[in-house]
Full PDB file with SEQRES, HELIX, SHEET, SSBOND, CRYST1, ORIGX, SCALE, CONECT and MASTER records, all heavy atoms in Angstrom:
SEQRES   1 A   30  ALA ALA GLY SER TRP THR ALA THR VAL THR ALA THR SER          
SEQRES   2 A   30  ALA GLY GLY GLU SER GLU GLN ALA GLN VAL ALA VAL ARG          
SEQRES   3 A   30  VAL GLU PRO ARG                                              
SHEET    1 AA1 2 GLY A   3  THR A  12  0                                        
SHEET    2 AA1 2 SER A  18  VAL A  27 -1                                        
CRYST1    1.000    1.000    1.000  90.00  90.00  90.00 P 1           1          
ORIGX1      1.000000  0.000000  0.000000        0.00000                         
ORIGX2      0.000000  1.000000  0.000000        0.00000                         
ORIGX3      0.000000  0.000000  1.000000        0.00000                         
SCALE1      1.000000  0.000000  0.000000        0.00000                         
SCALE2      0.000000  1.000000  0.000000        0.00000                         
SCALE3      0.000000  0.000000  1.000000        0.00000                         
ATOM      1  N   ALA A   1      85.291 125.880 116.069  1.00  0.00           N  
ATOM      2  CA  ALA A   1      83.945 125.282 115.979  1.00  0.00           C  
ATOM      3  C   ALA A   1      84.152 123.833 115.601  1.00  0.00           C  
ATOM      4  O   ALA A   1      85.219 123.302 115.499  1.00  0.00           O  
ATOM      5  CB  ALA A   1      83.202 126.031 114.912  1.00  0.00           C  
ATOM      6  N   ALA A   2      82.953 123.099 115.437  1.00  0.00           N  
ATOM      7  CA  ALA A   2      83.045 121.689 115.183  1.00  0.00           C  
ATOM      8  C   ALA A   2      83.704 121.462 113.716  1.00  0.00           C  
ATOM      9  O   ALA A   2      83.452 122.175 112.818  1.00  0.00           O  
ATOM     10  CB  ALA A   2      81.645 121.020 115.094  1.00  0.00           C  
ATOM     11  N   GLY A   3      84.513 120.387 113.621  1.00  0.00           N  
ATOM     12  CA  GLY A   3      85.123 120.117 112.374  1.00  0.00           C  
ATOM     13  C   GLY A   3      86.584 119.629 112.667  1.00  0.00           C  
ATOM     14  O   GLY A   3      87.080 119.478 113.678  1.00  0.00           O  
ATOM     15  N   SER A   4      87.239 119.246 111.535  1.00  0.00           N  
ATOM     16  CA  SER A   4      88.646 118.781 111.534  1.00  0.00           C  
ATOM     17  C   SER A   4      89.519 120.007 110.925  1.00  0.00           C  
ATOM     18  O   SER A   4      89.230 120.410 109.776  1.00  0.00           O  
ATOM     19  CB  SER A   4      88.876 117.517 110.757  1.00  0.00           C  
ATOM     20  OG  SER A   4      88.084 116.488 111.370  1.00  0.00           O  
ATOM     21  N   TRP A   5      90.521 120.416 111.780  1.00  0.00           N  
ATOM     22  CA  TRP A   5      91.275 121.558 111.363  1.00  0.00           C  
ATOM     23  C   TRP A   5      92.760 121.232 111.324  1.00  0.00           C  
ATOM     24  O   TRP A   5      93.153 120.344 112.190  1.00  0.00           O  
ATOM     25  CB  TRP A   5      90.985 122.755 112.283  1.00  0.00           C  
ATOM     26  CG  TRP A   5      89.428 122.978 112.431  1.00  0.00           C  
ATOM     27  CD1 TRP A   5      88.786 122.579 113.662  1.00  0.00           C  
ATOM     28  CD2 TRP A   5      88.521 123.620 111.638  1.00  0.00           C  
ATOM     29  NE1 TRP A   5      87.461 122.938 113.505  1.00  0.00           N  
ATOM     30  CE2 TRP A   5      87.224 123.565 112.220  1.00  0.00           C  
ATOM     31  CE3 TRP A   5      88.653 124.132 110.340  1.00  0.00           C  
ATOM     32  CZ2 TRP A   5      86.134 124.056 111.642  1.00  0.00           C  
ATOM     33  CZ3 TRP A   5      87.549 124.662 109.720  1.00  0.00           C  
ATOM     34  CH2 TRP A   5      86.304 124.625 110.412  1.00  0.00           C  
ATOM     35  N   THR A   6      93.394 121.959 110.569  1.00  0.00           N  
ATOM     36  CA  THR A   6      94.895 121.906 110.552  1.00  0.00           C  
ATOM     37  C   THR A   6      95.452 123.313 110.782  1.00  0.00           C  
ATOM     38  O   THR A   6      95.217 124.231 109.931  1.00  0.00           O  
ATOM     39  CB  THR A   6      95.452 121.366 109.202  1.00  0.00           C  
ATOM     40  OG1 THR A   6      94.919 120.001 109.075  1.00  0.00           O  
ATOM     41  CG2 THR A   6      96.966 121.232 109.220  1.00  0.00           C  
ATOM     42  N   ALA A   7      96.221 123.472 111.866  1.00  0.00           N  
ATOM     43  CA  ALA A   7      96.746 124.800 112.128  1.00  0.00           C  
ATOM     44  C   ALA A   7      98.167 124.704 111.602  1.00  0.00           C  
ATOM     45  O   ALA A   7      98.934 123.848 111.865  1.00  0.00           O  
ATOM     46  CB  ALA A   7      96.780 125.006 113.581  1.00  0.00           C  
ATOM     47  N   THR A   8      98.588 125.869 110.968  1.00  0.00           N  
ATOM     48  CA  THR A   8      99.947 125.938 110.372  1.00  0.00           C  
ATOM     49  C   THR A   8     100.722 127.092 110.988  1.00  0.00           C  
ATOM     50  O   THR A   8     100.079 128.226 110.977  1.00  0.00           O  
ATOM     51  CB  THR A   8      99.904 126.130 108.867  1.00  0.00           C  
ATOM     52  OG1 THR A   8      99.206 124.937 108.313  1.00  0.00           O  
ATOM     53  CG2 THR A   8     101.263 126.182 108.232  1.00  0.00           C  
ATOM     54  N   VAL A   9     101.897 126.943 111.430  1.00  0.00           N  
ATOM     55  CA  VAL A   9     102.607 128.027 112.079  1.00  0.00           C  
ATOM     56  C   VAL A   9     103.857 128.224 111.112  1.00  0.00           C  
ATOM     57  O   VAL A   9     104.545 127.300 110.711  1.00  0.00           O  
ATOM     58  CB  VAL A   9     103.117 127.782 113.402  1.00  0.00           C  
ATOM     59  CG1 VAL A   9     103.974 126.437 113.564  1.00  0.00           C  
ATOM     60  CG2 VAL A   9     103.863 128.930 114.069  1.00  0.00           C  
ATOM     61  N   THR A  10     104.161 129.548 110.847  1.00  0.00           N  
ATOM     62  CA  THR A  10     105.337 129.854 109.907  1.00  0.00           C  
ATOM     63  C   THR A  10     106.337 130.601 110.832  1.00  0.00           C  
ATOM     64  O   THR A  10     105.978 131.678 111.470  1.00  0.00           O  
ATOM     65  CB  THR A  10     104.932 130.748 108.770  1.00  0.00           C  
ATOM     66  OG1 THR A  10     104.027 130.079 107.989  1.00  0.00           O  
ATOM     67  CG2 THR A  10     106.130 131.156 107.992  1.00  0.00           C  
ATOM     68  N   ALA A  11     107.498 129.998 111.108  1.00  0.00           N  
ATOM     69  CA  ALA A  11     108.535 130.594 111.970  1.00  0.00           C  
ATOM     70  C   ALA A  11     109.579 131.290 111.092  1.00  0.00           C  
ATOM     71  O   ALA A  11     110.055 130.727 110.204  1.00  0.00           O  
ATOM     72  CB  ALA A  11     109.127 129.486 112.792  1.00  0.00           C  
ATOM     73  N   THR A  12     109.846 132.579 111.401  1.00  0.00           N  
ATOM     74  CA  THR A  12     110.816 133.348 110.620  1.00  0.00           C  
ATOM     75  C   THR A  12     111.994 133.732 111.548  1.00  0.00           C  
ATOM     76  O   THR A  12     111.679 134.295 112.572  1.00  0.00           O  
ATOM     77  CB  THR A  12     110.214 134.534 110.045  1.00  0.00           C  
ATOM     78  OG1 THR A  12     109.028 134.133 109.196  1.00  0.00           O  
ATOM     79  CG2 THR A  12     111.099 135.305 109.171  1.00  0.00           C  
ATOM     80  N   SER A  13     113.162 133.434 111.039  1.00  0.00           N  
ATOM     81  CA  SER A  13     114.334 133.824 111.765  1.00  0.00           C  
ATOM     82  C   SER A  13     114.801 135.213 111.615  1.00  0.00           C  
ATOM     83  O   SER A  13     114.256 135.977 110.825  1.00  0.00           O  
ATOM     84  CB  SER A  13     115.681 132.905 111.349  1.00  0.00           C  
ATOM     85  OG  SER A  13     116.025 133.252 110.018  1.00  0.00           O  
ATOM     86  N   ALA A  14     115.724 135.671 112.455  1.00  0.00           N  
ATOM     87  CA  ALA A  14     116.143 137.123 112.316  1.00  0.00           C  
ATOM     88  C   ALA A  14     116.807 137.355 110.953  1.00  0.00           C  
ATOM     89  O   ALA A  14     116.722 138.467 110.414  1.00  0.00           O  
ATOM     90  CB  ALA A  14     117.193 137.389 113.403  1.00  0.00           C  
ATOM     91  N   GLY A  15     117.310 136.306 110.252  1.00  0.00           N  
ATOM     92  CA  GLY A  15     117.891 136.532 108.909  1.00  0.00           C  
ATOM     93  C   GLY A  15     116.934 136.363 107.826  1.00  0.00           C  
ATOM     94  O   GLY A  15     117.331 136.428 106.631  1.00  0.00           O  
ATOM     95  N   GLY A  16     115.568 136.163 108.164  1.00  0.00           N  
ATOM     96  CA  GLY A  16     114.601 136.102 107.130  1.00  0.00           C  
ATOM     97  C   GLY A  16     114.265 134.743 106.610  1.00  0.00           C  
ATOM     98  O   GLY A  16     113.498 134.579 105.646  1.00  0.00           O  
ATOM     99  N   GLU A  17     114.817 133.697 107.216  1.00  0.00           N  
ATOM    100  CA  GLU A  17     114.595 132.305 106.792  1.00  0.00           C  
ATOM    101  C   GLU A  17     113.346 131.825 107.452  1.00  0.00           C  
ATOM    102  O   GLU A  17     113.098 132.215 108.681  1.00  0.00           O  
ATOM    103  CB  GLU A  17     115.775 131.448 107.179  1.00  0.00           C  
ATOM    104  CG  GLU A  17     117.057 131.784 106.550  1.00  0.00           C  
ATOM    105  CD  GLU A  17     118.210 130.958 106.943  1.00  0.00           C  
ATOM    106  OE1 GLU A  17     118.024 130.267 107.968  1.00  0.00           O  
ATOM    107  OE2 GLU A  17     119.285 130.962 106.254  1.00  0.00           O  
ATOM    108  N   SER A  18     112.489 131.091 106.734  1.00  0.00           N  
ATOM    109  CA  SER A  18     111.123 130.688 107.276  1.00  0.00           C  
ATOM    110  C   SER A  18     111.069 129.114 107.238  1.00  0.00           C  
ATOM    111  O   SER A  18     111.598 128.459 106.337  1.00  0.00           O  
ATOM    112  CB  SER A  18     110.093 131.299 106.353  1.00  0.00           C  
ATOM    113  OG  SER A  18     110.063 132.639 106.546  1.00  0.00           O  
ATOM    114  N   GLU A  19     110.418 128.575 108.254  1.00  0.00           N  
ATOM    115  CA  GLU A  19     110.023 127.126 108.300  1.00  0.00           C  
ATOM    116  C   GLU A  19     108.603 127.064 108.755  1.00  0.00           C  
ATOM    117  O   GLU A  19     108.071 127.912 109.456  1.00  0.00           O  
ATOM    118  CB  GLU A  19     110.905 126.461 109.306  1.00  0.00           C  
ATOM    119  CG  GLU A  19     112.348 126.250 108.845  1.00  0.00           C  
ATOM    120  CD  GLU A  19     113.178 125.388 109.737  1.00  0.00           C  
ATOM    121  OE1 GLU A  19     112.497 124.714 110.675  1.00  0.00           O  
ATOM    122  OE2 GLU A  19     114.255 125.348 109.606  1.00  0.00           O  
ATOM    123  N   GLN A  20     107.940 125.863 108.344  1.00  0.00           N  
ATOM    124  CA  GLN A  20     106.486 125.736 108.694  1.00  0.00           C  
ATOM    125  C   GLN A  20     106.387 124.346 109.366  1.00  0.00           C  
ATOM    126  O   GLN A  20     107.049 123.507 109.316  1.00  0.00           O  
ATOM    127  CB  GLN A  20     105.676 125.716 107.458  1.00  0.00           C  
ATOM    128  CG  GLN A  20     105.384 127.108 106.856  1.00  0.00           C  
ATOM    129  CD  GLN A  20     104.379 127.044 105.758  1.00  0.00           C  
ATOM    130  OE1 GLN A  20     104.112 126.007 105.140  1.00  0.00           O  
ATOM    131  NE2 GLN A  20     103.701 128.174 105.522  1.00  0.00           N  
ATOM    132  N   ALA A  21     105.440 124.449 110.387  1.00  0.00           N  
ATOM    133  CA  ALA A  21     104.977 123.233 111.039  1.00  0.00           C  
ATOM    134  C   ALA A  21     103.424 123.150 111.131  1.00  0.00           C  
ATOM    135  O   ALA A  21     102.838 124.221 111.160  1.00  0.00           O  
ATOM    136  CB  ALA A  21     105.593 123.122 112.466  1.00  0.00           C  
ATOM    137  N   GLN A  22     102.842 121.921 111.230  1.00  0.00           N  
ATOM    138  CA  GLN A  22     101.452 121.802 111.335  1.00  0.00           C  
ATOM    139  C   GLN A  22     101.070 120.923 112.445  1.00  0.00           C  
ATOM    140  O   GLN A  22     101.757 120.073 112.871  1.00  0.00           O  
ATOM    141  CB  GLN A  22     100.936 121.273 109.962  1.00  0.00           C  
ATOM    142  CG  GLN A  22     101.098 122.162 108.749  1.00  0.00           C  
ATOM    143  CD  GLN A  22     100.588 121.611 107.498  1.00  0.00           C  
ATOM    144  OE1 GLN A  22     100.529 120.308 107.387  1.00  0.00           O  
ATOM    145  NE2 GLN A  22     100.031 122.371 106.655  1.00  0.00           N  
ATOM    146  N   VAL A  23      99.818 121.175 112.931  1.00  0.00           N  
ATOM    147  CA  VAL A  23      99.277 120.295 114.022  1.00  0.00           C  
ATOM    148  C   VAL A  23      97.770 120.191 113.622  1.00  0.00           C  
ATOM    149  O   VAL A  23      97.110 121.195 113.245  1.00  0.00           O  
ATOM    150  CB  VAL A  23      99.453 120.967 115.294  1.00  0.00           C  
ATOM    151  CG1 VAL A  23      98.893 122.318 115.582  1.00  0.00           C  
ATOM    152  CG2 VAL A  23      98.978 119.993 116.485  1.00  0.00           C  
ATOM    153  N   ALA A  24      97.160 119.052 113.916  1.00  0.00           N  
ATOM    154  CA  ALA A  24      95.803 118.734 113.664  1.00  0.00           C  
ATOM    155  C   ALA A  24      94.929 118.909 114.850  1.00  0.00           C  
ATOM    156  O   ALA A  24      95.338 118.576 116.009  1.00  0.00           O  
ATOM    157  CB  ALA A  24      95.550 117.335 113.132  1.00  0.00           C  
ATOM    158  N   VAL A  25      93.740 119.463 114.743  1.00  0.00           N  
ATOM    159  CA  VAL A  25      92.763 119.548 115.690  1.00  0.00           C  
ATOM    160  C   VAL A  25      91.429 118.981 115.320  1.00  0.00           C  
ATOM    161  O   VAL A  25      90.896 119.462 114.210  1.00  0.00           O  
ATOM    162  CB  VAL A  25      92.590 121.198 116.115  1.00  0.00           C  
ATOM    163  CG1 VAL A  25      91.554 121.366 117.184  1.00  0.00           C  
ATOM    164  CG2 VAL A  25      93.902 121.730 116.580  1.00  0.00           C  
ATOM    165  N   ARG A  26      90.920 118.138 116.161  1.00  0.00           N  
ATOM    166  CA  ARG A  26      89.607 117.617 115.795  1.00  0.00           C  
ATOM    167  C   ARG A  26      88.529 118.098 116.845  1.00  0.00           C  
ATOM    168  O   ARG A  26      88.784 117.834 117.968  1.00  0.00           O  
ATOM    169  CB  ARG A  26      89.663 116.042 115.735  1.00  0.00           C  
ATOM    170  CG  ARG A  26      88.315 115.399 115.364  1.00  0.00           C  
ATOM    171  CD  ARG A  26      88.470 113.923 115.101  1.00  0.00           C  
ATOM    172  NE  ARG A  26      89.163 113.281 116.297  1.00  0.00           N  
ATOM    173  CZ  ARG A  26      88.476 112.702 117.224  1.00  0.00           C  
ATOM    174  NH1 ARG A  26      87.150 112.779 117.296  1.00  0.00           N  
ATOM    175  NH2 ARG A  26      89.104 112.104 118.303  1.00  0.00           N  
ATOM    176  N   VAL A  27      87.420 118.576 116.355  1.00  0.00           N  
ATOM    177  CA  VAL A  27      86.406 119.150 117.204  1.00  0.00           C  
ATOM    178  C   VAL A  27      85.061 118.524 116.880  1.00  0.00           C  
ATOM    179  O   VAL A  27      84.568 118.608 115.812  1.00  0.00           O  
ATOM    180  CB  VAL A  27      86.244 120.678 117.132  1.00  0.00           C  
ATOM    181  CG1 VAL A  27      85.274 121.293 118.105  1.00  0.00           C  
ATOM    182  CG2 VAL A  27      87.647 121.375 117.314  1.00  0.00           C  
ATOM    183  N   GLU A  28      84.567 117.811 117.810  1.00  0.00           N  
ATOM    184  CA  GLU A  28      83.227 117.173 117.572  1.00  0.00           C  
ATOM    185  C   GLU A  28      82.143 118.123 117.965  1.00  0.00           C  
ATOM    186  O   GLU A  28      82.222 119.050 118.771  1.00  0.00           O  
ATOM    187  CB  GLU A  28      83.119 115.983 118.595  1.00  0.00           C  
ATOM    188  CG  GLU A  28      84.075 114.875 118.439  1.00  0.00           C  
ATOM    189  CD  GLU A  28      83.865 113.716 119.369  1.00  0.00           C  
ATOM    190  OE1 GLU A  28      82.788 113.732 120.060  1.00  0.00           O  
ATOM    191  OE2 GLU A  28      84.719 112.852 119.451  1.00  0.00           O  
ATOM    192  N   PRO A  29      81.020 118.133 117.073  1.00  0.00           N  
ATOM    193  CA  PRO A  29      79.895 118.937 117.478  1.00  0.00           C  
ATOM    194  C   PRO A  29      79.267 118.702 118.801  1.00  0.00           C  
ATOM    195  O   PRO A  29      79.160 117.548 119.165  1.00  0.00           O  
ATOM    196  CB  PRO A  29      78.948 118.656 116.256  1.00  0.00           C  
ATOM    197  CG  PRO A  29      79.287 117.272 115.862  1.00  0.00           C  
ATOM    198  CD  PRO A  29      80.723 116.986 116.073  1.00  0.00           C  
ATOM    199  N   ARG A  30      78.999 119.749 119.580  1.00  0.00           N  
ATOM    200  CA  ARG A  30      78.246 119.477 120.864  1.00  0.00           C  
ATOM    201  C   ARG A  30      76.744 119.499 120.609  1.00  0.00           C  
ATOM    202  O   ARG A  30      76.152 120.376 119.906  1.00  0.00           O  
ATOM    203  CB  ARG A  30      78.546 120.770 121.713  1.00  0.00           C  
ATOM    204  CG  ARG A  30      77.822 120.689 122.983  1.00  0.00           C  
ATOM    205  CD  ARG A  30      78.495 119.677 124.006  1.00  0.00           C  
ATOM    206  NE  ARG A  30      79.764 120.237 124.432  1.00  0.00           N  
ATOM    207  CZ  ARG A  30      80.600 119.514 125.143  1.00  0.00           C  
ATOM    208  NH1 ARG A  30      80.331 118.262 125.463  1.00  0.00           N  
ATOM    209  NH2 ARG A  30      81.765 120.038 125.522  1.00  0.00           N  
TER     210      ARG A  30                                                      
MASTER        0    0    0    0    2    0    0    6  209    1    0    3          
END                                                                             
């Protein structure tokens, strides 16, 4: 929906180790 959002992905390896990355999404109101 309209707004500024930040999506966060958590990646987990086979050994149980985790890393995170983020990406911004900007949605203008229609």
